[in-house]
Amino acid sequence: MESASYKRYRIFGHAIVHQEDILSSERYAGGGTITRDAKMVEASGVLGVFYTEEEAQLAGLDWARAWVDNHG
């Protein structure tokens, strides 16, 4: 999980191992969460499946920044 401060919010990018079966290569489901004053504001759900953990986390952070820009 990666986190950052953005405007007056704390944002998180999540990567969850996603593997359809044992023969497929490991991938990561990406998601984002936004908090403010230690309370959850919004969560994205799965944003997509990515080849690396870093890509999944960055997608979550990007989603969170866009949400704050549109709703904050």
PDB file of N, CA and C in Angstrom:
ATOM      1  N   MET A   1       0.848  -1.167   0.000  1.00  0.00           N
ATOM      2  CA  MET A   1       0.000   0.000   0.000  1.00  0.00           C
ATOM      3  C   MET A   1       0.899   1.236   0.000  1.00  0.00           C
ATOM      4  N   GLU A   2       0.539   2.176  -0.829  1.00  0.00           N
ATOM      5  CA  GLU A   2       1.208   3.475  -0.875  1.00  0.00           C
ATOM      6  C   GLU A   2       0.230   4.522  -0.364  1.00  0.00           C
ATOM      7  N   SER A   3       0.753   5.519   0.331  1.00  0.00           N
ATOM      8  CA  SER A   3      -0.119   6.591   0.806  1.00  0.00           C
ATOM      9  C   SER A   3       0.544   7.936   0.569  1.00  0.00           C
ATOM     10  N   ALA A   4      -0.294   8.968   0.571  1.00  0.00           N
ATOM     11  CA  ALA A   4       0.198  10.325   0.359  1.00  0.00           C
ATOM     12  C   ALA A   4      -0.816  11.299   0.936  1.00  0.00           C
ATOM     13  N   SER A   5      -0.356  12.491   1.226  1.00  0.00           N
ATOM     14  CA  SER A   5      -1.259  13.579   1.577  1.00  0.00           C
ATOM     15  C   SER A   5      -1.584  14.314   0.293  1.00  0.00           C
ATOM     16  N   TYR A   6      -2.864  14.634   0.125  1.00  0.00           N
ATOM     17  CA  TYR A   6      -3.278  15.370  -1.066  1.00  0.00           C
ATOM     18  C   TYR A   6      -4.356  16.349  -0.652  1.00  0.00           C
ATOM     19  N   LYS A   7      -4.016  17.615  -0.807  1.00  0.00           N
ATOM     20  CA  LYS A   7      -4.871  18.697  -0.341  1.00  0.00           C
ATOM     21  C   LYS A   7      -5.137  18.457   1.145  1.00  0.00           C
ATOM     22  N   ARG A   8      -6.343  18.327   1.596  1.00  0.00           N
ATOM     23  CA  ARG A   8      -6.601  18.091   3.029  1.00  0.00           C
ATOM     24  C   ARG A   8      -6.975  16.641   3.313  1.00  0.00           C
ATOM     25  N   TYR A   9      -6.618  15.753   2.410  1.00  0.00           N
ATOM     26  CA  TYR A   9      -6.993  14.348   2.524  1.00  0.00           C
ATOM     27  C   TYR A   9      -5.757  13.464   2.633  1.00  0.00           C
ATOM     28  N   ARG A  10      -5.961  12.254   3.104  1.00  0.00           N
ATOM     29  CA  ARG A  10      -4.941  11.198   3.058  1.00  0.00           C
ATOM     30  C   ARG A  10      -5.445  10.195   2.028  1.00  0.00           C
ATOM     31  N   ILE A  11      -4.616   9.879   1.042  1.00  0.00           N
ATOM     32  CA  ILE A  11      -5.036   8.970  -0.022  1.00  0.00           C
ATOM     33  C   ILE A  11      -4.152   7.723  -0.004  1.00  0.00           C
ATOM     34  N   PHE A  12      -4.740   6.614  -0.433  1.00  0.00           N
ATOM     35  CA  PHE A  12      -4.049   5.332  -0.418  1.00  0.00           C
ATOM     36  C   PHE A  12      -4.244   4.624  -1.747  1.00  0.00           C
ATOM     37  N   GLY A  13      -3.192   3.991  -2.225  1.00  0.00           N
ATOM     38  CA  GLY A  13      -3.262   3.120  -3.390  1.00  0.00           C
ATOM     39  C   GLY A  13      -2.995   1.700  -2.950  1.00  0.00           C
ATOM     40  N   HIS A  14      -3.897   0.791  -3.285  1.00  0.00           N
ATOM     41  CA  HIS A  14      -3.806  -0.594  -2.836  1.00  0.00           C
ATOM     42  C   HIS A  14      -3.499  -1.524  -4.000  1.00  0.00           C
ATOM     43  N   ALA A  15      -2.761  -2.579  -3.701  1.00  0.00           N
ATOM     44  CA  ALA A  15      -2.506  -3.656  -4.661  1.00  0.00           C
ATOM     45  C   ALA A  15      -2.831  -4.969  -3.972  1.00  0.00           C
ATOM     46  N   ILE A  16      -3.721  -5.727  -4.579  1.00  0.00           N
ATOM     47  CA  ILE A  16      -4.143  -7.008  -4.024  1.00  0.00           C
ATOM     48  C   ILE A  16      -3.801  -8.082  -5.049  1.00  0.00           C
ATOM     49  N   VAL A  17      -3.116  -9.131  -4.613  1.00  0.00           N
ATOM     50  CA  VAL A  17      -2.735 -10.197  -5.535  1.00  0.00           C
ATOM     51  C   VAL A  17      -3.992 -10.773  -6.171  1.00  0.00           C
ATOM     52  N   HIS A  18      -3.963 -10.879  -7.490  1.00  0.00           N
ATOM     53  CA  HIS A  18      -5.088 -11.402  -8.266  1.00  0.00           C
ATOM     54  C   HIS A  18      -4.535 -12.491  -9.179  1.00  0.00           C
ATOM     55  N   GLN A  19      -4.942 -13.718  -8.907  1.00  0.00           N
ATOM     56  CA  GLN A  19      -4.464 -14.832  -9.713  1.00  0.00           C
ATOM     57  C   GLN A  19      -5.649 -15.740 -10.000  1.00  0.00           C
ATOM     58  N   GLU A  20      -5.990 -15.871 -11.259  1.00  0.00           N
ATOM     59  CA  GLU A  20      -7.163 -16.650 -11.638  1.00  0.00           C
ATOM     60  C   GLU A  20      -6.976 -18.135 -11.385  1.00  0.00           C
ATOM     61  N   ASP A  21      -5.802 -18.661 -11.634  1.00  0.00           N
ATOM     62  CA  ASP A  21      -5.508 -20.057 -11.331  1.00  0.00           C
ATOM     63  C   ASP A  21      -4.008 -20.208 -11.128  1.00  0.00           C
ATOM     64  N   ILE A  22      -3.582 -21.353 -10.660  1.00  0.00           N
ATOM     65  CA  ILE A  22      -2.166 -21.500 -10.308  1.00  0.00           C
ATOM     66  C   ILE A  22      -1.244 -21.503 -11.521  1.00  0.00           C
ATOM     67  N   LEU A  23      -1.794 -21.693 -12.697  1.00  0.00           N
ATOM     68  CA  LEU A  23      -0.965 -21.683 -13.903  1.00  0.00           C
ATOM     69  C   LEU A  23      -0.795 -20.297 -14.511  1.00  0.00           C
ATOM     70  N   SER A  24      -1.618 -19.355 -14.095  1.00  0.00           N
ATOM     71  CA  SER A  24      -1.503 -18.000 -14.638  1.00  0.00           C
ATOM     72  C   SER A  24      -0.492 -17.192 -13.829  1.00  0.00           C
ATOM     73  N   SER A  25       0.087 -16.191 -14.468  1.00  0.00           N
ATOM     74  CA  SER A  25       1.066 -15.354 -13.773  1.00  0.00           C
ATOM     75  C   SER A  25       0.357 -14.446 -12.767  1.00  0.00           C
ATOM     76  N   GLU A  26       1.083 -14.107 -11.740  1.00  0.00           N
ATOM     77  CA  GLU A  26       0.531 -13.258 -10.687  1.00  0.00           C
ATOM     78  C   GLU A  26       0.319 -11.844 -11.204  1.00  0.00           C
ATOM     79  N   ARG A  27      -0.833 -11.310 -10.920  1.00  0.00           N
ATOM     80  CA  ARG A  27      -1.154  -9.921 -11.259  1.00  0.00           C
ATOM     81  C   ARG A  27      -1.725  -9.266 -10.007  1.00  0.00           C
ATOM     82  N   TYR A  28      -2.028  -7.972 -10.114  1.00  0.00           N
ATOM     83  CA  TYR A  28      -2.487  -7.219  -8.956  1.00  0.00           C
ATOM     84  C   TYR A  28      -3.732  -6.410  -9.290  1.00  0.00           C
ATOM     85  N   ALA A  29      -4.733  -6.512  -8.461  1.00  0.00           N
ATOM     86  CA  ALA A  29      -5.914  -5.667  -8.575  1.00  0.00           C
ATOM     87  C   ALA A  29      -5.599  -4.360  -7.863  1.00  0.00           C
ATOM     88  N   GLY A  30      -5.922  -3.254  -8.498  1.00  0.00           N
ATOM     89  CA  GLY A  30      -5.627  -1.950  -7.919  1.00  0.00           C
ATOM     90  C   GLY A  30      -6.879  -1.272  -7.405  1.00  0.00           C
ATOM     91  N   GLY A  31      -6.722  -0.510  -6.336  1.00  0.00           N
ATOM     92  CA  GLY A  31      -7.837   0.241  -5.778  1.00  0.00           C
ATOM     93  C   GLY A  31      -7.334   1.438  -5.000  1.00  0.00           C
ATOM     94  N   GLY A  32      -8.249   2.319  -4.646  1.00  0.00           N
ATOM     95  CA  GLY A  32      -7.881   3.518  -3.900  1.00  0.00           C
ATOM     96  C   GLY A  32      -8.833   3.783  -2.764  1.00  0.00           C
ATOM     97  N   THR A  33      -8.329   4.474  -1.751  1.00  0.00           N
ATOM     98  CA  THR A  33      -9.132   4.870  -0.594  1.00  0.00           C
ATOM     99  C   THR A  33      -8.770   6.302  -0.224  1.00  0.00           C
ATOM    100  N   ILE A  34      -9.765   7.036   0.234  1.00  0.00           N
ATOM    101  CA  ILE A  34      -9.563   8.423   0.654  1.00  0.00           C
ATOM    102  C   ILE A  34     -10.069   8.563   2.080  1.00  0.00           C
ATOM    103  N   THR A  35      -9.237   9.194   2.919  1.00  0.00           N
ATOM    104  CA  THR A  35      -9.654   9.471   4.296  1.00  0.00           C
ATOM    105  C   THR A  35      -9.433  10.951   4.600  1.00  0.00           C
ATOM    106  N   ARG A  36     -10.134  11.395   5.617  1.00  0.00           N
ATOM    107  CA  ARG A  36      -9.951  12.761   6.124  1.00  0.00           C
ATOM    108  C   ARG A  36     -10.235  12.732   7.609  1.00  0.00           C
ATOM    109  N   ASP A  37      -9.324  13.269   8.392  1.00  0.00           N
ATOM    110  CA  ASP A  37      -9.447  13.254   9.853  1.00  0.00           C
ATOM    111  C   ASP A  37      -9.670  11.835  10.366  1.00  0.00           C
ATOM    112  N   ALA A  38      -8.926  10.875   9.825  1.00  0.00           N
ATOM    113  CA  ALA A  38      -8.959   9.463  10.218  1.00  0.00           C
ATOM    114  C   ALA A  38     -10.300   8.782   9.954  1.00  0.00           C
ATOM    115  N   LYS A  39     -11.127   9.361   9.099  1.00  0.00           N
ATOM    116  CA  LYS A  39     -12.410   8.750   8.726  1.00  0.00           C
ATOM    117  C   LYS A  39     -12.421   8.485   7.233  1.00  0.00           C
ATOM    118  N   MET A  40     -12.946   7.319   6.848  1.00  0.00           N
ATOM    119  CA  MET A  40     -13.011   7.000   5.434  1.00  0.00           C
ATOM    120  C   MET A  40     -14.020   7.905   4.739  1.00  0.00           C
ATOM    121  N   VAL A  41     -13.620   8.440   3.601  1.00  0.00           N
ATOM    122  CA  VAL A  41     -14.469   9.309   2.798  1.00  0.00           C
ATOM    123  C   VAL A  41     -15.027   8.547   1.602  1.00  0.00           C
ATOM    124  N   GLU A  42     -14.155   7.822   0.903  1.00  0.00           N
ATOM    125  CA  GLU A  42     -14.572   7.106  -0.314  1.00  0.00           C
ATOM    126  C   GLU A  42     -13.583   5.984  -0.595  1.00  0.00           C
ATOM    127  N   ALA A  43     -14.069   4.926  -1.226  1.00  0.00           N
ATOM    128  CA  ALA A  43     -13.225   3.823  -1.691  1.00  0.00           C
ATOM    129  C   ALA A  43     -13.624   3.495  -3.122  1.00  0.00           C
ATOM    130  N   SER A  44     -12.667   3.088  -3.917  1.00  0.00           N
ATOM    131  CA  SER A  44     -12.897   2.933  -5.349  1.00  0.00           C
ATOM    132  C   SER A  44     -13.491   1.597  -5.771  1.00  0.00           C
ATOM    133  N   GLY A  45     -13.210   0.553  -5.061  1.00  0.00           N
ATOM    134  CA  GLY A  45     -13.452  -0.772  -5.620  1.00  0.00           C
ATOM    135  C   GLY A  45     -12.297  -1.090  -6.552  1.00  0.00           C
ATOM    136  N   VAL A  46     -12.375  -2.192  -7.278  1.00  0.00           N
ATOM    137  CA  VAL A  46     -11.280  -2.606  -8.157  1.00  0.00           C
ATOM    138  C   VAL A  46     -11.261  -1.720  -9.403  1.00  0.00           C
ATOM    139  N   LEU A  47     -10.102  -1.109  -9.648  1.00  0.00           N
ATOM    140  CA  LEU A  47      -9.932  -0.210 -10.796  1.00  0.00           C
ATOM    141  C   LEU A  47      -9.429  -0.933 -12.025  1.00  0.00           C
ATOM    142  N   GLY A  48      -8.880  -2.089 -11.840  1.00  0.00           N
ATOM    143  CA  GLY A  48      -8.337  -2.863 -12.944  1.00  0.00           C
ATOM    144  C   GLY A  48      -7.334  -3.866 -12.429  1.00  0.00           C
ATOM    145  N   VAL A  49      -6.802  -4.673 -13.337  1.00  0.00           N
ATOM    146  CA  VAL A  49      -5.790  -5.663 -12.989  1.00  0.00           C
ATOM    147  C   VAL A  49      -4.498  -5.266 -13.688  1.00  0.00           C
ATOM    148  N   PHE A  50      -3.404  -5.269 -12.933  1.00  0.00           N
ATOM    149  CA  PHE A  50      -2.128  -4.748 -13.398  1.00  0.00           C
ATOM    150  C   PHE A  50      -1.034  -5.799 -13.279  1.00  0.00           C
ATOM    151  N   TYR A  51       0.012  -5.656 -14.069  1.00  0.00           N
ATOM    152  CA  TYR A  51       1.115  -6.608 -14.065  1.00  0.00           C
ATOM    153  C   TYR A  51       2.042  -6.446 -12.868  1.00  0.00           C
ATOM    154  N   THR A  52       2.119  -5.230 -12.304  1.00  0.00           N
ATOM    155  CA  THR A  52       2.998  -5.017 -11.147  1.00  0.00           C
ATOM    156  C   THR A  52       2.217  -4.399  -9.989  1.00  0.00           C
ATOM    157  N   GLU A  53       2.749  -4.645  -8.805  1.00  0.00           N
ATOM    158  CA  GLU A  53       2.165  -4.073  -7.594  1.00  0.00           C
ATOM    159  C   GLU A  53       2.208  -2.545  -7.653  1.00  0.00           C
ATOM    160  N   GLU A  54       3.311  -2.007  -8.137  1.00  0.00           N
ATOM    161  CA  GLU A  54       3.472  -0.555  -8.225  1.00  0.00           C
ATOM    162  C   GLU A  54       2.430   0.078  -9.152  1.00  0.00           C
ATOM    163  N   GLU A  55       2.186  -0.543 -10.314  1.00  0.00           N
ATOM    164  CA  GLU A  55       1.170  -0.019 -11.237  1.00  0.00           C
ATOM    165  C   GLU A  55      -0.210   0.009 -10.580  1.00  0.00           C
ATOM    166  N   ALA A  56      -0.531  -1.046  -9.845  1.00  0.00           N
ATOM    167  CA  ALA A  56      -1.831  -1.111  -9.168  1.00  0.00           C
ATOM    168  C   ALA A  56      -1.953  -0.011  -8.119  1.00  0.00           C
ATOM    169  N   GLN A  57      -0.910   0.185  -7.339  1.00  0.00           N
ATOM    170  CA  GLN A  57      -0.930   1.234  -6.313  1.00  0.00           C
ATOM    171  C   GLN A  57      -1.030   2.623  -6.929  1.00  0.00           C
ATOM    172  N   LEU A  58      -0.276   2.858  -7.991  1.00  0.00           N
ATOM    173  CA  LEU A  58      -0.325   4.161  -8.656  1.00  0.00           C
ATOM    174  C   LEU A  58      -1.705   4.443  -9.241  1.00  0.00           C
ATOM    175  N   ALA A  59      -2.360   3.416  -9.766  1.00  0.00           N
ATOM    176  CA  ALA A  59      -3.718   3.601 -10.280  1.00  0.00           C
ATOM    177  C   ALA A  59      -4.658   4.029  -9.152  1.00  0.00           C
ATOM    178  N   GLY A  60      -4.496   3.438  -7.982  1.00  0.00           N
ATOM    179  CA  GLY A  60      -5.315   3.822  -6.829  1.00  0.00           C
ATOM    180  C   GLY A  60      -5.066   5.252  -6.392  1.00  0.00           C
ATOM    181  N   LEU A  61      -3.802   5.650  -6.363  1.00  0.00           N
ATOM    182  CA  LEU A  61      -3.473   7.027  -5.993  1.00  0.00           C
ATOM    183  C   LEU A  61      -3.991   8.022  -7.029  1.00  0.00           C
ATOM    184  N   ASP A  62      -3.852   7.681  -8.306  1.00  0.00           N
ATOM    185  CA  ASP A  62      -4.370   8.555  -9.370  1.00  0.00           C
ATOM    186  C   ASP A  62      -5.880   8.715  -9.262  1.00  0.00           C
ATOM    187  N   TRP A  63      -6.575   7.611  -9.009  1.00  0.00           N
ATOM    188  CA  TRP A  63      -8.031   7.667  -8.842  1.00  0.00           C
ATOM    189  C   TRP A  63      -8.387   8.571  -7.669  1.00  0.00           C
ATOM    190  N   ALA A  64      -7.676   8.406  -6.549  1.00  0.00           N
ATOM    191  CA  ALA A  64      -7.968   9.192  -5.354  1.00  0.00           C
ATOM    192  C   ALA A  64      -7.745  10.687  -5.597  1.00  0.00           C
ATOM    193  N   ARG A  65      -6.672  11.035  -6.269  1.00  0.00           N
ATOM    194  CA  ARG A  65      -6.418  12.450  -6.582  1.00  0.00           C
ATOM    195  C   ARG A  65      -7.530  13.024  -7.460  1.00  0.00           C
ATOM    196  N   ALA A  66      -7.947  12.255  -8.451  1.00  0.00           N
ATOM    197  CA  ALA A  66      -9.023  12.718  -9.337  1.00  0.00           C
ATOM    198  C   ALA A  66     -10.325  12.887  -8.555  1.00  0.00           C
ATOM    199  N   TRP A  67     -10.615  11.964  -7.637  1.00  0.00           N
ATOM    200  CA  TRP A  67     -11.830  12.072  -6.835  1.00  0.00           C
ATOM    201  C   TRP A  67     -11.788  13.348  -5.995  1.00  0.00           C
ATOM    202  N   VAL A  68     -10.651  13.603  -5.333  1.00  0.00           N
ATOM    203  CA  VAL A  68     -10.530  14.809  -4.503  1.00  0.00           C
ATOM    204  C   VAL A  68     -10.687  16.053  -5.363  1.00  0.00           C
ATOM    205  N   ASP A  69     -10.084  16.073  -6.541  1.00  0.00           N
ATOM    206  CA  ASP A  69     -10.185  17.234  -7.418  1.00  0.00           C
ATOM    207  C   ASP A  69     -11.631  17.498  -7.829  1.00  0.00           C
ATOM    208  N   ASN A  70     -12.417  16.455  -7.991  1.00  0.00           N
ATOM    209  CA  ASN A  70     -13.810  16.611  -8.414  1.00  0.00           C
ATOM    210  C   ASN A  70     -14.811  16.773  -7.289  1.00  0.00           C
ATOM    211  N   HIS A  71     -14.455  16.374  -6.064  1.00  0.00           N
ATOM    212  CA  HIS A  71     -15.403  16.402  -4.957  1.00  0.00           C
ATOM    213  C   HIS A  71     -14.920  17.196  -3.747  1.00  0.00           C
ATOM    214  N   GLY A  72     -13.629  17.472  -3.681  1.00  0.00           N
ATOM    215  CA  GLY A  72     -13.048  18.090  -2.492  1.00  0.00           C
ATOM    216  C   GLY A  72     -13.276  19.511  -2.454  1.00  0.00           C
TER     217      GLY A  72
END
